[in-house]
N, C-alpha and C. Protein backbone atom coordinates (compact mmCIF):
# COMPACT_ATOMS: atom_id res chain seq x y z
N MET A 1 12.83 10.55 -1.16
CA MET A 1 12.37 9.18 -1.21
C MET A 1 11.13 9.11 -2.09
N THR A 2 11.17 8.20 -3.05
CA THR A 2 10.05 7.97 -3.94
C THR A 2 9.67 6.50 -3.89
N ILE A 3 8.38 6.21 -3.82
CA ILE A 3 7.92 4.83 -3.86
C ILE A 3 7.07 4.65 -5.11
N ILE A 4 7.44 3.68 -5.93
CA ILE A 4 6.77 3.39 -7.19
C ILE A 4 6.09 2.03 -7.09
N GLU A 5 4.82 1.98 -7.45
CA GLU A 5 4.10 0.70 -7.47
C GLU A 5 4.46 -0.03 -8.76
N LEU A 6 5.01 -1.24 -8.63
CA LEU A 6 5.46 -2.00 -9.80
C LEU A 6 4.38 -2.91 -10.37
N THR A 7 3.55 -3.46 -9.50
CA THR A 7 2.51 -4.37 -9.96
C THR A 7 1.17 -3.97 -9.33
N PRO A 8 0.10 -4.10 -10.07
CA PRO A 8 -1.21 -3.82 -9.49
C PRO A 8 -1.62 -5.00 -8.59
N PRO A 9 -2.58 -4.77 -7.71
CA PRO A 9 -3.04 -5.88 -6.86
C PRO A 9 -3.67 -6.98 -7.72
N ALA A 10 -3.39 -8.22 -7.37
CA ALA A 10 -3.99 -9.35 -8.08
C ALA A 10 -5.48 -9.45 -7.75
N VAL A 11 -5.83 -9.12 -6.52
CA VAL A 11 -7.23 -9.13 -6.08
C VAL A 11 -7.47 -7.94 -5.17
N GLU A 12 -8.71 -7.51 -5.08
CA GLU A 12 -9.10 -6.46 -4.14
C GLU A 12 -9.47 -7.13 -2.82
N PRO A 13 -9.29 -6.44 -1.70
CA PRO A 13 -9.62 -7.02 -0.40
C PRO A 13 -11.10 -7.36 -0.24
N LEU A 14 -11.98 -6.59 -0.89
CA LEU A 14 -13.42 -6.86 -0.81
C LEU A 14 -13.86 -7.62 -2.05
N THR A 15 -14.65 -8.65 -1.84
CA THR A 15 -15.23 -9.38 -2.97
C THR A 15 -16.58 -8.75 -3.33
N ILE A 16 -17.01 -9.02 -4.54
CA ILE A 16 -18.31 -8.50 -4.97
C ILE A 16 -19.43 -9.08 -4.10
N ALA A 17 -19.26 -10.31 -3.65
CA ALA A 17 -20.27 -10.93 -2.78
C ALA A 17 -20.37 -10.20 -1.44
N GLU A 18 -19.22 -9.81 -0.87
CA GLU A 18 -19.22 -9.07 0.40
C GLU A 18 -19.88 -7.70 0.23
N ILE A 19 -19.59 -7.06 -0.88
CA ILE A 19 -20.15 -5.72 -1.13
C ILE A 19 -21.66 -5.83 -1.32
N ARG A 20 -22.10 -6.78 -2.15
CA ARG A 20 -23.55 -6.95 -2.37
C ARG A 20 -24.27 -7.29 -1.08
N ALA A 21 -23.68 -8.15 -0.25
CA ALA A 21 -24.31 -8.52 1.02
C ALA A 21 -24.42 -7.30 1.93
N HIS A 22 -23.38 -6.48 2.00
CA HIS A 22 -23.41 -5.29 2.84
C HIS A 22 -24.47 -4.30 2.38
N LEU A 23 -24.59 -4.15 1.06
CA LEU A 23 -25.56 -3.20 0.50
C LEU A 23 -26.95 -3.81 0.33
N ARG A 24 -27.06 -5.10 0.58
CA ARG A 24 -28.32 -5.84 0.41
C ARG A 24 -28.83 -5.74 -1.02
N LEU A 25 -27.92 -6.02 -1.95
CA LEU A 25 -28.26 -6.02 -3.38
C LEU A 25 -28.29 -7.45 -3.87
N ASP A 26 -29.26 -7.76 -4.72
CA ASP A 26 -29.36 -9.11 -5.28
C ASP A 26 -28.83 -9.19 -6.70
N GLY A 27 -29.04 -8.16 -7.49
CA GLY A 27 -28.68 -8.21 -8.90
C GLY A 27 -27.22 -7.93 -9.17
N GLU A 28 -26.83 -8.22 -10.41
CA GLU A 28 -25.46 -8.03 -10.85
C GLU A 28 -25.30 -6.80 -11.73
N GLU A 29 -26.38 -6.04 -11.91
CA GLU A 29 -26.36 -4.93 -12.86
C GLU A 29 -25.32 -3.87 -12.55
N GLU A 30 -25.02 -3.65 -11.29
CA GLU A 30 -24.10 -2.57 -10.92
C GLU A 30 -22.76 -3.09 -10.39
N ASP A 31 -22.42 -4.32 -10.74
CA ASP A 31 -21.17 -4.90 -10.26
C ASP A 31 -19.95 -4.09 -10.70
N GLY A 32 -19.93 -3.60 -11.91
CA GLY A 32 -18.81 -2.80 -12.39
C GLY A 32 -18.60 -1.56 -11.54
N LEU A 33 -19.69 -0.86 -11.22
CA LEU A 33 -19.62 0.31 -10.36
C LEU A 33 -19.16 -0.07 -8.96
N LEU A 34 -19.70 -1.14 -8.42
CA LEU A 34 -19.34 -1.58 -7.07
C LEU A 34 -17.85 -1.92 -6.97
N LEU A 35 -17.33 -2.60 -7.97
CA LEU A 35 -15.91 -2.94 -7.97
C LEU A 35 -15.03 -1.70 -8.09
N ALA A 36 -15.47 -0.74 -8.91
CA ALA A 36 -14.73 0.53 -9.04
C ALA A 36 -14.72 1.28 -7.71
N LEU A 37 -15.86 1.31 -7.03
CA LEU A 37 -15.93 1.97 -5.72
C LEU A 37 -15.08 1.26 -4.67
N ALA A 38 -15.02 -0.08 -4.75
CA ALA A 38 -14.17 -0.83 -3.83
C ALA A 38 -12.70 -0.49 -4.04
N THR A 39 -12.30 -0.30 -5.29
CA THR A 39 -10.92 0.09 -5.58
C THR A 39 -10.63 1.48 -5.03
N VAL A 40 -11.56 2.40 -5.21
CA VAL A 40 -11.40 3.76 -4.68
C VAL A 40 -11.29 3.72 -3.15
N ALA A 41 -12.14 2.91 -2.51
CA ALA A 41 -12.12 2.80 -1.05
C ALA A 41 -10.78 2.23 -0.58
N ARG A 42 -10.25 1.22 -1.28
CA ARG A 42 -8.95 0.66 -0.90
C ARG A 42 -7.84 1.70 -1.06
N GLU A 43 -7.82 2.38 -2.20
CA GLU A 43 -6.78 3.38 -2.44
C GLU A 43 -6.83 4.50 -1.40
N HIS A 44 -8.04 4.93 -1.05
CA HIS A 44 -8.19 5.98 -0.04
C HIS A 44 -7.67 5.50 1.31
N LEU A 45 -8.04 4.29 1.69
CA LEU A 45 -7.62 3.74 2.98
C LEU A 45 -6.09 3.57 3.02
N GLU A 46 -5.51 3.13 1.91
CA GLU A 46 -4.06 2.98 1.87
C GLU A 46 -3.35 4.33 2.00
N ARG A 47 -3.90 5.37 1.38
CA ARG A 47 -3.31 6.72 1.51
C ARG A 47 -3.43 7.22 2.95
N GLU A 48 -4.55 6.98 3.59
CA GLU A 48 -4.78 7.46 4.95
C GLU A 48 -3.90 6.76 5.98
N THR A 49 -3.65 5.47 5.77
CA THR A 49 -2.94 4.68 6.79
C THR A 49 -1.48 4.39 6.46
N GLY A 50 -1.11 4.45 5.19
CA GLY A 50 0.23 4.05 4.79
C GLY A 50 0.38 2.54 4.67
N LEU A 51 -0.71 1.83 4.86
CA LEU A 51 -0.69 0.37 4.74
C LEU A 51 -0.90 -0.05 3.29
N VAL A 52 -0.47 -1.27 2.99
CA VAL A 52 -0.74 -1.89 1.70
C VAL A 52 -1.70 -3.04 1.99
N LEU A 53 -2.93 -2.91 1.55
CA LEU A 53 -3.92 -3.94 1.85
C LEU A 53 -3.78 -5.13 0.92
N ALA A 54 -3.75 -4.88 -0.38
CA ALA A 54 -3.65 -5.93 -1.38
C ALA A 54 -2.17 -6.09 -1.77
N ALA A 55 -1.65 -7.30 -1.63
CA ALA A 55 -0.23 -7.56 -1.85
C ALA A 55 0.21 -7.18 -3.26
N ARG A 56 1.38 -6.52 -3.33
CA ARG A 56 1.97 -6.16 -4.61
C ARG A 56 3.41 -5.71 -4.40
N ASP A 57 4.09 -5.46 -5.52
CA ASP A 57 5.51 -5.10 -5.48
C ASP A 57 5.70 -3.61 -5.67
N PHE A 58 6.76 -3.09 -5.03
CA PHE A 58 7.09 -1.67 -5.06
C PHE A 58 8.59 -1.48 -5.27
N ARG A 59 8.95 -0.26 -5.67
CA ARG A 59 10.36 0.15 -5.74
C ARG A 59 10.51 1.44 -4.94
N LEU A 60 11.44 1.43 -3.99
CA LEU A 60 11.78 2.60 -3.21
C LEU A 60 13.07 3.18 -3.77
N CYS A 61 13.05 4.46 -4.14
CA CYS A 61 14.24 5.13 -4.69
C CYS A 61 14.76 6.14 -3.66
N LEU A 62 16.07 6.07 -3.39
CA LEU A 62 16.71 6.95 -2.42
C LEU A 62 17.93 7.61 -3.04
N ASP A 63 18.28 8.77 -2.51
CA ASP A 63 19.49 9.47 -2.96
C ASP A 63 20.73 8.93 -2.25
N ASP A 64 20.61 8.61 -0.97
CA ASP A 64 21.75 8.16 -0.18
C ASP A 64 21.25 7.27 0.96
N TRP A 65 22.19 6.58 1.61
CA TRP A 65 21.84 5.73 2.74
C TRP A 65 21.61 6.58 3.98
N PRO A 66 20.71 6.18 4.85
CA PRO A 66 20.51 6.91 6.12
C PRO A 66 21.79 6.86 6.96
N GLU A 67 22.01 7.90 7.74
CA GLU A 67 23.23 7.97 8.56
C GLU A 67 23.33 6.84 9.58
N ASP A 68 22.17 6.42 10.14
CA ASP A 68 22.21 5.36 11.15
C ASP A 68 22.27 3.96 10.53
N GLY A 69 22.22 3.88 9.19
CA GLY A 69 22.32 2.59 8.51
C GLY A 69 21.03 1.81 8.45
N ILE A 70 19.95 2.34 9.02
CA ILE A 70 18.66 1.65 9.01
C ILE A 70 17.73 2.38 8.06
N LEU A 71 17.41 1.72 6.98
CA LEU A 71 16.55 2.29 5.95
C LEU A 71 15.09 2.09 6.35
N THR A 72 14.27 3.13 6.28
CA THR A 72 12.85 3.00 6.61
C THR A 72 12.02 2.94 5.34
N ILE A 73 11.00 2.12 5.37
CA ILE A 73 10.10 1.93 4.23
C ILE A 73 8.70 2.30 4.71
N ALA A 74 8.15 3.37 4.14
CA ALA A 74 6.90 3.94 4.63
C ALA A 74 5.68 3.07 4.32
N ARG A 75 5.74 2.22 3.33
CA ARG A 75 4.60 1.36 2.98
C ARG A 75 4.79 0.00 3.63
N GLY A 76 3.75 -0.56 4.17
CA GLY A 76 3.90 -1.86 4.82
C GLY A 76 2.55 -2.52 5.03
N PRO A 77 2.50 -3.68 5.58
CA PRO A 77 3.62 -4.46 6.06
C PRO A 77 4.48 -5.01 4.91
N VAL A 78 5.80 -4.93 5.08
CA VAL A 78 6.73 -5.41 4.06
C VAL A 78 6.92 -6.90 4.29
N GLN A 79 6.67 -7.67 3.24
CA GLN A 79 6.80 -9.13 3.33
C GLN A 79 8.22 -9.59 3.01
N ALA A 80 8.85 -8.96 2.01
CA ALA A 80 10.19 -9.37 1.60
C ALA A 80 10.87 -8.26 0.82
N VAL A 81 12.18 -8.21 0.92
CA VAL A 81 12.99 -7.34 0.08
C VAL A 81 13.52 -8.22 -1.04
N ARG A 82 13.21 -7.86 -2.28
CA ARG A 82 13.57 -8.69 -3.43
C ARG A 82 15.00 -8.41 -3.92
N VAL A 83 15.29 -7.13 -4.13
CA VAL A 83 16.61 -6.77 -4.65
C VAL A 83 16.92 -5.32 -4.26
N VAL A 84 18.20 -5.06 -3.98
CA VAL A 84 18.68 -3.71 -3.71
C VAL A 84 19.75 -3.42 -4.75
N THR A 85 19.58 -2.31 -5.47
CA THR A 85 20.50 -1.93 -6.53
C THR A 85 21.06 -0.55 -6.25
N VAL A 86 22.38 -0.41 -6.42
CA VAL A 86 23.05 0.89 -6.26
C VAL A 86 23.68 1.22 -7.61
N TYR A 87 23.49 2.47 -8.05
CA TYR A 87 24.02 2.90 -9.35
C TYR A 87 25.28 3.73 -9.15
N ASP A 88 26.29 3.46 -9.98
CA ASP A 88 27.53 4.25 -9.91
C ASP A 88 27.37 5.53 -10.72
N GLY A 89 28.44 6.31 -10.82
CA GLY A 89 28.41 7.60 -11.51
C GLY A 89 28.06 7.50 -12.98
N GLU A 90 28.34 6.36 -13.61
CA GLU A 90 28.03 6.16 -15.03
C GLU A 90 26.64 5.54 -15.22
N GLY A 91 25.94 5.30 -14.12
CA GLY A 91 24.61 4.71 -14.22
C GLY A 91 24.60 3.20 -14.28
N GLU A 92 25.74 2.58 -14.02
CA GLU A 92 25.83 1.12 -14.03
C GLU A 92 25.29 0.56 -12.72
N PRO A 93 24.41 -0.44 -12.80
CA PRO A 93 23.84 -0.99 -11.56
C PRO A 93 24.78 -1.99 -10.88
N GLN A 94 24.75 -1.98 -9.57
CA GLN A 94 25.45 -2.96 -8.75
C GLN A 94 24.43 -3.53 -7.78
N VAL A 95 24.21 -4.83 -7.86
CA VAL A 95 23.25 -5.48 -6.98
C VAL A 95 23.92 -5.73 -5.62
N VAL A 96 23.26 -5.29 -4.58
CA VAL A 96 23.77 -5.44 -3.21
C VAL A 96 23.43 -6.83 -2.70
N ASP A 97 24.39 -7.48 -2.07
CA ASP A 97 24.18 -8.81 -1.51
C ASP A 97 23.23 -8.69 -0.31
N LEU A 98 22.13 -9.44 -0.35
CA LEU A 98 21.14 -9.40 0.74
C LEU A 98 21.42 -10.42 1.82
N ASP A 99 22.52 -11.14 1.69
CA ASP A 99 22.87 -12.14 2.69
C ASP A 99 23.11 -11.46 4.04
N GLY A 100 22.42 -11.89 5.06
CA GLY A 100 22.59 -11.34 6.40
C GLY A 100 21.82 -10.06 6.66
N HIS A 101 20.94 -9.66 5.75
CA HIS A 101 20.16 -8.44 5.99
C HIS A 101 19.13 -8.68 7.09
N LEU A 102 18.71 -7.62 7.73
CA LEU A 102 17.66 -7.70 8.75
C LEU A 102 16.48 -6.86 8.29
N LEU A 103 15.30 -7.46 8.35
CA LEU A 103 14.08 -6.77 7.95
C LEU A 103 13.06 -6.86 9.07
N ASP A 104 12.57 -5.72 9.52
CA ASP A 104 11.44 -5.67 10.45
C ASP A 104 10.27 -5.13 9.64
N GLY A 105 9.63 -6.02 8.91
CA GLY A 105 8.58 -5.63 7.97
C GLY A 105 7.27 -5.25 8.62
N GLN A 106 7.06 -5.64 9.88
CA GLN A 106 5.81 -5.33 10.57
C GLN A 106 5.87 -3.98 11.28
N ALA A 107 7.07 -3.41 11.44
CA ALA A 107 7.21 -2.12 12.10
C ALA A 107 6.54 -1.03 11.27
N ARG A 108 6.19 0.08 11.89
CA ARG A 108 5.59 1.22 11.19
C ARG A 108 6.46 2.43 11.41
N PRO A 109 7.30 2.85 10.50
CA PRO A 109 7.56 2.26 9.19
C PRO A 109 8.44 1.01 9.30
N ALA A 110 8.39 0.21 8.24
CA ALA A 110 9.23 -0.99 8.18
C ALA A 110 10.69 -0.55 8.16
N ARG A 111 11.56 -1.42 8.68
CA ARG A 111 12.98 -1.08 8.79
C ARG A 111 13.83 -2.17 8.14
N LEU A 112 14.86 -1.72 7.42
CA LEU A 112 15.78 -2.64 6.75
C LEU A 112 17.20 -2.25 7.08
N TRP A 113 18.00 -3.26 7.50
CA TRP A 113 19.43 -3.05 7.72
C TRP A 113 20.17 -3.99 6.80
N LEU A 114 21.16 -3.45 6.09
CA LEU A 114 21.98 -4.25 5.18
C LEU A 114 23.42 -4.29 5.69
N ARG A 115 24.02 -5.44 5.55
CA ARG A 115 25.42 -5.61 5.97
C ARG A 115 26.34 -4.75 5.09
N GLU A 116 26.02 -4.68 3.80
CA GLU A 116 26.83 -3.95 2.83
C GLU A 116 26.02 -2.78 2.26
N THR A 117 26.58 -1.57 2.29
CA THR A 117 25.89 -0.40 1.74
C THR A 117 26.86 0.42 0.88
N PRO A 118 27.10 -0.01 -0.35
CA PRO A 118 28.02 0.74 -1.21
C PRO A 118 27.47 2.12 -1.53
N ALA A 119 28.37 3.09 -1.59
CA ALA A 119 27.97 4.47 -1.85
C ALA A 119 27.46 4.62 -3.28
N PRO A 120 26.32 5.29 -3.45
CA PRO A 120 25.81 5.52 -4.81
C PRO A 120 26.63 6.59 -5.53
N GLY A 121 26.78 6.44 -6.83
CA GLY A 121 27.49 7.43 -7.63
C GLY A 121 26.57 8.46 -8.24
N ARG A 122 25.30 8.11 -8.38
CA ARG A 122 24.30 9.05 -8.89
C ARG A 122 23.86 9.96 -7.77
N VAL A 123 23.66 11.23 -8.08
CA VAL A 123 23.24 12.19 -7.07
C VAL A 123 21.80 11.97 -6.65
N MET A 124 20.93 11.66 -7.62
CA MET A 124 19.51 11.44 -7.31
C MET A 124 19.12 10.01 -7.66
N ASN A 125 18.35 9.40 -6.77
CA ASN A 125 17.83 8.05 -6.97
C ASN A 125 18.93 7.05 -7.30
N GLY A 126 20.03 7.13 -6.57
CA GLY A 126 21.14 6.21 -6.79
C GLY A 126 20.96 4.86 -6.13
N ILE A 127 19.92 4.74 -5.30
CA ILE A 127 19.64 3.48 -4.60
C ILE A 127 18.21 3.08 -4.89
N GLU A 128 18.00 1.83 -5.28
CA GLU A 128 16.65 1.30 -5.51
C GLU A 128 16.47 0.03 -4.69
N VAL A 129 15.37 -0.01 -3.96
CA VAL A 129 15.02 -1.17 -3.15
C VAL A 129 13.68 -1.70 -3.66
N GLU A 130 13.69 -2.92 -4.19
CA GLU A 130 12.44 -3.54 -4.64
C GLU A 130 11.96 -4.47 -3.54
N PHE A 131 10.68 -4.31 -3.18
CA PHE A 131 10.11 -5.08 -2.08
C PHE A 131 8.67 -5.42 -2.36
N SER A 132 8.19 -6.44 -1.67
CA SER A 132 6.77 -6.79 -1.74
C SER A 132 6.14 -6.43 -0.40
N ALA A 133 4.92 -5.89 -0.47
CA ALA A 133 4.23 -5.47 0.75
C ALA A 133 2.76 -5.83 0.64
N GLY A 134 2.11 -5.92 1.77
CA GLY A 134 0.69 -6.21 1.81
C GLY A 134 0.39 -7.23 2.90
N PHE A 135 -0.88 -7.32 3.24
CA PHE A 135 -1.29 -8.27 4.28
C PHE A 135 -1.27 -9.70 3.78
N GLY A 136 -1.49 -9.90 2.49
CA GLY A 136 -1.52 -11.25 1.94
C GLY A 136 -2.08 -11.25 0.55
N GLU A 137 -2.26 -12.45 0.03
CA GLU A 137 -2.70 -12.62 -1.35
C GLU A 137 -4.21 -12.56 -1.53
N SER A 138 -4.96 -12.50 -0.44
CA SER A 138 -6.43 -12.44 -0.56
C SER A 138 -7.00 -11.49 0.48
N GLY A 139 -8.25 -11.14 0.28
CA GLY A 139 -8.94 -10.27 1.23
C GLY A 139 -9.08 -10.88 2.60
N ALA A 140 -9.01 -12.19 2.68
CA ALA A 140 -9.13 -12.87 3.98
C ALA A 140 -7.97 -12.52 4.91
N ASP A 141 -6.85 -12.04 4.34
CA ASP A 141 -5.68 -11.70 5.14
C ASP A 141 -5.74 -10.28 5.71
N VAL A 142 -6.66 -9.45 5.21
CA VAL A 142 -6.79 -8.06 5.64
C VAL A 142 -7.58 -8.03 6.95
N PRO A 143 -7.13 -7.23 7.93
CA PRO A 143 -7.87 -7.14 9.19
C PRO A 143 -9.34 -6.77 8.96
N GLU A 144 -10.21 -7.44 9.68
CA GLU A 144 -11.67 -7.26 9.51
C GLU A 144 -12.10 -5.82 9.74
N THR A 145 -11.46 -5.13 10.66
CA THR A 145 -11.82 -3.73 10.94
C THR A 145 -11.63 -2.86 9.70
N LEU A 146 -10.53 -3.09 8.98
CA LEU A 146 -10.28 -2.31 7.77
C LEU A 146 -11.27 -2.66 6.67
N LYS A 147 -11.66 -3.93 6.59
CA LYS A 147 -12.67 -4.32 5.60
C LYS A 147 -14.02 -3.67 5.93
N ARG A 148 -14.35 -3.58 7.22
CA ARG A 148 -15.60 -2.91 7.63
C ARG A 148 -15.57 -1.45 7.23
N ALA A 149 -14.44 -0.79 7.45
CA ALA A 149 -14.30 0.62 7.07
C ALA A 149 -14.49 0.78 5.57
N MET A 150 -13.91 -0.12 4.80
CA MET A 150 -14.06 -0.04 3.35
C MET A 150 -15.51 -0.26 2.93
N LEU A 151 -16.19 -1.20 3.56
CA LEU A 151 -17.60 -1.44 3.23
C LEU A 151 -18.46 -0.22 3.54
N LEU A 152 -18.20 0.44 4.68
CA LEU A 152 -18.91 1.68 5.00
C LEU A 152 -18.66 2.74 3.95
N HIS A 153 -17.42 2.84 3.51
CA HIS A 153 -17.04 3.84 2.52
C HIS A 153 -17.70 3.55 1.17
N VAL A 154 -17.68 2.29 0.76
CA VAL A 154 -18.33 1.90 -0.50
C VAL A 154 -19.82 2.22 -0.43
N ALA A 155 -20.45 1.92 0.71
CA ALA A 155 -21.89 2.19 0.86
C ALA A 155 -22.18 3.68 0.75
N ALA A 156 -21.36 4.52 1.36
CA ALA A 156 -21.56 5.97 1.29
C ALA A 156 -21.38 6.48 -0.13
N MET A 157 -20.36 5.99 -0.82
CA MET A 157 -20.14 6.42 -2.21
C MET A 157 -21.25 5.91 -3.12
N TYR A 158 -21.73 4.70 -2.85
CA TYR A 158 -22.83 4.13 -3.64
C TYR A 158 -24.10 4.96 -3.45
N ALA A 159 -24.35 5.39 -2.21
CA ALA A 159 -25.54 6.20 -1.93
C ALA A 159 -25.49 7.54 -2.66
N CYS A 160 -24.28 8.04 -2.92
CA CYS A 160 -24.12 9.33 -3.61
C CYS A 160 -23.80 9.16 -5.08
N ARG A 161 -24.03 7.98 -5.64
CA ARG A 161 -23.61 7.69 -7.01
C ARG A 161 -24.25 8.60 -8.05
N GLY A 162 -25.44 9.11 -7.80
CA GLY A 162 -26.09 10.00 -8.76
C GLY A 162 -25.62 11.43 -8.63
N VAL A 163 -24.99 11.75 -7.53
CA VAL A 163 -24.55 13.12 -7.26
C VAL A 163 -23.09 13.31 -7.64
N VAL A 164 -22.27 12.30 -7.34
CA VAL A 164 -20.83 12.39 -7.59
C VAL A 164 -20.42 11.25 -8.51
N ALA A 165 -19.75 11.58 -9.60
CA ALA A 165 -19.29 10.55 -10.55
C ALA A 165 -18.27 9.64 -9.89
N ALA A 166 -18.19 8.40 -10.36
CA ALA A 166 -17.27 7.41 -9.79
C ALA A 166 -15.82 7.89 -9.86
N ASP A 167 -15.46 8.59 -10.93
CA ASP A 167 -14.07 9.05 -11.06
C ASP A 167 -13.77 10.28 -10.19
N ALA A 168 -14.78 10.86 -9.56
CA ALA A 168 -14.59 12.00 -8.66
C ALA A 168 -14.60 11.57 -7.19
N GLN A 169 -14.69 10.28 -6.94
CA GLN A 169 -14.71 9.75 -5.59
C GLN A 169 -13.29 9.76 -5.03
N PRO A 170 -13.04 9.70 -3.75
CA PRO A 170 -14.01 9.63 -2.69
C PRO A 170 -14.49 11.01 -2.28
N ALA A 171 -15.72 11.29 -2.53
CA ALA A 171 -16.31 12.58 -2.16
C ALA A 171 -16.96 12.51 -0.79
N VAL A 172 -17.28 11.29 -0.34
CA VAL A 172 -17.98 11.11 0.92
C VAL A 172 -17.22 10.13 1.79
N VAL A 173 -16.95 10.53 3.02
CA VAL A 173 -16.40 9.61 4.01
C VAL A 173 -17.46 9.49 5.10
N PRO A 174 -17.96 8.27 5.35
CA PRO A 174 -19.09 8.11 6.26
C PRO A 174 -18.73 8.29 7.73
N PRO A 175 -19.73 8.60 8.55
CA PRO A 175 -19.50 8.69 10.01
C PRO A 175 -19.00 7.34 10.54
N GLY A 176 -18.08 7.39 11.44
CA GLY A 176 -17.52 6.17 12.03
C GLY A 176 -16.30 5.64 11.31
N TYR A 177 -16.09 6.06 10.07
CA TYR A 177 -14.96 5.59 9.28
C TYR A 177 -13.64 5.92 9.97
N ASP A 178 -13.49 7.17 10.39
CA ASP A 178 -12.25 7.61 11.03
C ASP A 178 -11.95 6.83 12.30
N ARG A 179 -12.99 6.49 13.06
CA ARG A 179 -12.77 5.71 14.29
C ARG A 179 -12.30 4.30 13.98
N LEU A 180 -12.80 3.72 12.90
CA LEU A 180 -12.39 2.37 12.53
C LEU A 180 -10.93 2.31 12.09
N ILE A 181 -10.48 3.31 11.33
CA ILE A 181 -9.12 3.26 10.80
C ILE A 181 -8.09 3.89 11.74
N ALA A 182 -8.53 4.62 12.76
CA ALA A 182 -7.61 5.34 13.64
C ALA A 182 -6.48 4.48 14.21
N PRO A 183 -6.75 3.26 14.69
CA PRO A 183 -5.66 2.45 15.24
C PRO A 183 -4.59 2.08 14.22
N PHE A 184 -4.91 2.18 12.94
CA PHE A 184 -3.99 1.79 11.88
C PHE A 184 -3.25 2.98 11.27
N CYS A 185 -3.62 4.19 11.67
CA CYS A 185 -3.01 5.41 11.11
C CYS A 185 -1.76 5.78 11.90
N ARG A 186 -0.76 6.27 11.17
CA ARG A 186 0.43 6.80 11.81
C ARG A 186 0.24 8.30 11.94
N ARG A 187 0.40 8.81 13.11
CA ARG A 187 0.24 10.23 13.35
C ARG A 187 1.58 10.85 13.73
N GLY A 188 1.92 11.93 13.07
CA GLY A 188 3.16 12.64 13.39
C GLY A 188 2.92 13.69 14.45
N LEU A 189 3.98 14.07 15.12
CA LEU A 189 3.88 15.11 16.13
C LEU A 189 4.10 16.46 15.54
């Protein structure tokens, strides 16, 4: 299973005003750095939790359908399934009818059931599922606890800005960060 990000986020969950207020900064001189650190904090949080904070589109590539007929999508919350394509042995695409599909986009992982599941002809990546995921179109849709964790992370990285380059972040995860994100993390046995 491979998940490909098709579109970048239109907006970051944290605004520059929220970051400046948290850090108690008045000037705009370091806004570029602050926005870069906010992006790093979001990407780190998304990797840790499997959540998609800023809404965007993805493609899930599979070799075959699951035996139980319920396809799981590790990134979420899934808002909508846009298109499902199955490729035959010659590489010709066949669009699967989404009429009557069932989507539990809030589940962790999200679950999709399709009425029709034609067998793929390609051995690898014969099935592609394009979907949109994320909490919403703005930072206001992201749970406040996750935004607090990101602000703590941005502050810690900002404090170490002279020691660790922005492109080498996240080098510092602040105390309390793990407790804030713990309820949102999926833990395997």
